[in-house]
Amino acid sequence: MDRTERFYKIDQLLKDSKVVSFARLQEWLGVSRATLKRDLVYMRDRFNAPIEYVRAGNGYRFGKPRAGPRY
């Protein structure tokens, strides 16, 4: 699976669930921890995706839209 496909799948998982654990994302995508971390950072920084970590749920979700270009 290439990077663009992973971005799409991350987007779909986060839209479909309130909170998605890192382990579930990693398992679903079949990538290493480092690759998933890079993908999440890339989506936040380059696409301005409002991905945030939720400590209480021990996972990630889409938060409120950030300033600047919209995701």
N, C-alpha and C. Protein backbone atom coordinates (compact mmCIF):
# COMPACT_ATOMS: atom_id res chain seq x y z
N MET A 1 0.85 -1.17 0.00
CA MET A 1 0.00 0.00 0.00
C MET A 1 0.90 1.24 0.00
N ASP A 2 0.59 2.17 -0.88
CA ASP A 2 1.43 3.37 -0.93
C ASP A 2 0.94 4.42 0.07
N ARG A 3 1.71 5.47 0.18
CA ARG A 3 1.46 6.51 1.18
C ARG A 3 0.08 7.16 1.02
N THR A 4 -0.30 7.45 -0.20
CA THR A 4 -1.59 8.09 -0.45
C THR A 4 -2.74 7.20 0.02
N GLU A 5 -2.63 5.92 -0.22
CA GLU A 5 -3.66 4.98 0.24
C GLU A 5 -3.74 4.97 1.76
N ARG A 6 -2.57 5.02 2.41
CA ARG A 6 -2.56 5.05 3.88
C ARG A 6 -3.24 6.31 4.40
N PHE A 7 -2.97 7.45 3.77
CA PHE A 7 -3.62 8.69 4.20
C PHE A 7 -5.13 8.56 4.09
N TYR A 8 -5.60 7.99 3.00
CA TYR A 8 -7.03 7.81 2.80
C TYR A 8 -7.62 6.89 3.88
N LYS A 9 -6.93 5.80 4.17
CA LYS A 9 -7.44 4.86 5.17
C LYS A 9 -7.42 5.46 6.57
N ILE A 10 -6.38 6.22 6.90
CA ILE A 10 -6.34 6.91 8.19
C ILE A 10 -7.52 7.86 8.29
N ASP A 11 -7.76 8.62 7.23
CA ASP A 11 -8.88 9.55 7.19
C ASP A 11 -10.20 8.82 7.42
N GLN A 12 -10.41 7.71 6.74
CA GLN A 12 -11.66 6.96 6.88
C GLN A 12 -11.83 6.39 8.28
N LEU A 13 -10.78 5.83 8.84
CA LEU A 13 -10.87 5.28 10.20
C LEU A 13 -11.21 6.36 11.22
N LEU A 14 -10.57 7.51 11.10
CA LEU A 14 -10.82 8.59 12.06
C LEU A 14 -12.22 9.18 11.88
N LYS A 15 -12.73 9.19 10.67
CA LYS A 15 -14.09 9.69 10.44
C LYS A 15 -15.14 8.71 10.94
N ASP A 16 -14.85 7.42 10.84
CA ASP A 16 -15.82 6.39 11.21
C ASP A 16 -15.89 6.10 12.71
N SER A 17 -14.86 6.48 13.45
CA SER A 17 -14.81 6.17 14.88
C SER A 17 -14.55 7.44 15.68
N LYS A 18 -15.01 7.43 16.92
CA LYS A 18 -14.75 8.59 17.77
C LYS A 18 -13.28 8.67 18.14
N VAL A 19 -12.71 7.54 18.56
CA VAL A 19 -11.29 7.47 18.91
C VAL A 19 -10.75 6.15 18.38
N VAL A 20 -9.59 6.21 17.73
CA VAL A 20 -8.96 5.01 17.17
C VAL A 20 -7.59 4.85 17.82
N SER A 21 -7.34 3.69 18.38
CA SER A 21 -6.06 3.46 19.05
C SER A 21 -4.93 3.37 18.03
N PHE A 22 -3.74 3.70 18.49
CA PHE A 22 -2.55 3.62 17.64
C PHE A 22 -2.37 2.19 17.16
N ALA A 23 -2.58 1.23 18.06
CA ALA A 23 -2.41 -0.19 17.71
C ALA A 23 -3.39 -0.60 16.60
N ARG A 24 -4.62 -0.12 16.69
CA ARG A 24 -5.62 -0.46 15.66
C ARG A 24 -5.23 0.15 14.32
N LEU A 25 -4.80 1.41 14.34
CA LEU A 25 -4.35 2.05 13.10
C LEU A 25 -3.19 1.27 12.49
N GLN A 26 -2.24 0.93 13.33
CA GLN A 26 -1.05 0.22 12.86
C GLN A 26 -1.42 -1.15 12.29
N GLU A 27 -2.29 -1.86 12.97
CA GLU A 27 -2.72 -3.18 12.51
C GLU A 27 -3.49 -3.08 11.20
N TRP A 28 -4.40 -2.13 11.12
CA TRP A 28 -5.25 -1.99 9.94
C TRP A 28 -4.44 -1.60 8.71
N LEU A 29 -3.39 -0.78 8.93
CA LEU A 29 -2.57 -0.33 7.81
C LEU A 29 -1.42 -1.28 7.50
N GLY A 30 -1.04 -2.10 8.48
CA GLY A 30 0.06 -3.03 8.27
C GLY A 30 1.40 -2.35 8.12
N VAL A 31 1.64 -1.33 8.95
CA VAL A 31 2.89 -0.57 8.88
C VAL A 31 3.59 -0.56 10.23
N SER A 32 4.83 -0.12 10.24
CA SER A 32 5.59 -0.02 11.48
C SER A 32 5.13 1.19 12.28
N ARG A 33 5.52 1.22 13.55
CA ARG A 33 5.19 2.37 14.42
C ARG A 33 5.76 3.65 13.83
N ALA A 34 7.00 3.58 13.36
CA ALA A 34 7.66 4.77 12.81
C ALA A 34 6.93 5.30 11.59
N THR A 35 6.50 4.40 10.71
CA THR A 35 5.77 4.83 9.50
C THR A 35 4.46 5.49 9.86
N LEU A 36 3.73 4.90 10.80
CA LEU A 36 2.45 5.49 11.19
C LEU A 36 2.66 6.86 11.84
N LYS A 37 3.65 6.99 12.68
CA LYS A 37 3.94 8.29 13.30
C LYS A 37 4.26 9.33 12.23
N ARG A 38 5.09 8.96 11.26
CA ARG A 38 5.44 9.88 10.17
C ARG A 38 4.19 10.29 9.38
N ASP A 39 3.32 9.32 9.11
CA ASP A 39 2.10 9.62 8.36
C ASP A 39 1.19 10.59 9.12
N LEU A 40 1.03 10.38 10.42
CA LEU A 40 0.18 11.27 11.22
C LEU A 40 0.76 12.69 11.26
N VAL A 41 2.07 12.79 11.45
CA VAL A 41 2.72 14.10 11.46
C VAL A 41 2.59 14.78 10.10
N TYR A 42 2.78 14.02 9.04
CA TYR A 42 2.67 14.57 7.69
C TYR A 42 1.25 15.11 7.45
N MET A 43 0.25 14.33 7.83
CA MET A 43 -1.14 14.76 7.63
C MET A 43 -1.43 16.03 8.43
N ARG A 44 -0.91 16.12 9.64
CA ARG A 44 -1.12 17.33 10.46
C ARG A 44 -0.42 18.53 9.84
N ASP A 45 0.85 18.35 9.49
CA ASP A 45 1.67 19.47 9.03
C ASP A 45 1.39 19.90 7.60
N ARG A 46 1.25 18.97 6.70
CA ARG A 46 1.10 19.30 5.28
C ARG A 46 -0.35 19.48 4.85
N PHE A 47 -1.25 18.66 5.41
CA PHE A 47 -2.66 18.73 5.03
C PHE A 47 -3.49 19.54 6.02
N ASN A 48 -2.85 19.95 7.11
CA ASN A 48 -3.54 20.69 8.17
C ASN A 48 -4.70 19.87 8.75
N ALA A 49 -4.53 18.56 8.78
CA ALA A 49 -5.56 17.68 9.33
C ALA A 49 -5.63 17.87 10.85
N PRO A 50 -6.82 18.04 11.40
CA PRO A 50 -6.95 18.29 12.84
C PRO A 50 -6.88 17.00 13.67
N ILE A 51 -5.85 16.21 13.45
CA ILE A 51 -5.69 14.95 14.18
C ILE A 51 -5.10 15.26 15.55
N GLU A 52 -5.76 14.74 16.58
CA GLU A 52 -5.27 14.97 17.93
C GLU A 52 -5.28 13.67 18.73
N TYR A 53 -4.36 13.61 19.68
CA TYR A 53 -4.27 12.45 20.56
C TYR A 53 -5.22 12.66 21.73
N VAL A 54 -5.98 11.61 22.07
CA VAL A 54 -6.92 11.67 23.18
C VAL A 54 -6.40 10.74 24.27
N ARG A 55 -5.88 11.32 25.32
CA ARG A 55 -5.27 10.52 26.37
C ARG A 55 -6.29 9.59 27.04
N ALA A 56 -7.48 10.12 27.32
CA ALA A 56 -8.50 9.32 27.99
C ALA A 56 -8.90 8.09 27.17
N GLY A 57 -8.91 8.23 25.86
CA GLY A 57 -9.27 7.12 24.99
C GLY A 57 -8.07 6.36 24.46
N ASN A 58 -6.87 6.85 24.80
CA ASN A 58 -5.62 6.24 24.36
C ASN A 58 -5.61 6.04 22.84
N GLY A 59 -6.00 7.09 22.12
CA GLY A 59 -6.03 6.98 20.67
C GLY A 59 -6.11 8.34 20.00
N TYR A 60 -6.46 8.32 18.74
CA TYR A 60 -6.50 9.53 17.92
C TYR A 60 -7.91 9.79 17.40
N ARG A 61 -8.17 11.05 17.12
CA ARG A 61 -9.46 11.45 16.54
C ARG A 61 -9.25 12.75 15.77
N PHE A 62 -10.28 13.12 15.02
CA PHE A 62 -10.29 14.43 14.39
C PHE A 62 -10.84 15.42 15.40
N GLY A 63 -10.11 16.50 15.63
CA GLY A 63 -10.56 17.54 16.54
C GLY A 63 -11.19 18.68 15.76
N LYS A 64 -11.19 19.84 16.38
CA LYS A 64 -11.73 21.03 15.72
C LYS A 64 -10.78 21.46 14.61
N PRO A 65 -11.33 21.99 13.53
CA PRO A 65 -10.48 22.45 12.42
C PRO A 65 -9.46 23.48 12.92
N ARG A 66 -8.27 23.42 12.35
CA ARG A 66 -7.20 24.32 12.72
C ARG A 66 -7.23 25.57 11.86
N ALA A 67 -6.53 26.60 12.31
CA ALA A 67 -6.42 27.83 11.53
C ALA A 67 -5.65 27.56 10.24
N GLY A 68 -5.94 28.31 9.23
CA GLY A 68 -5.25 28.13 7.96
C GLY A 68 -6.10 27.35 6.98
N PRO A 69 -5.48 26.84 5.94
CA PRO A 69 -6.25 26.07 4.94
C PRO A 69 -6.95 24.90 5.61
N ARG A 70 -8.15 24.63 5.18
CA ARG A 70 -8.93 23.55 5.79
C ARG A 70 -8.57 22.22 5.18
N TYR A 71 -8.64 21.21 6.02
CA TYR A 71 -8.39 19.83 5.61
C TYR A 71 -9.61 19.30 4.92
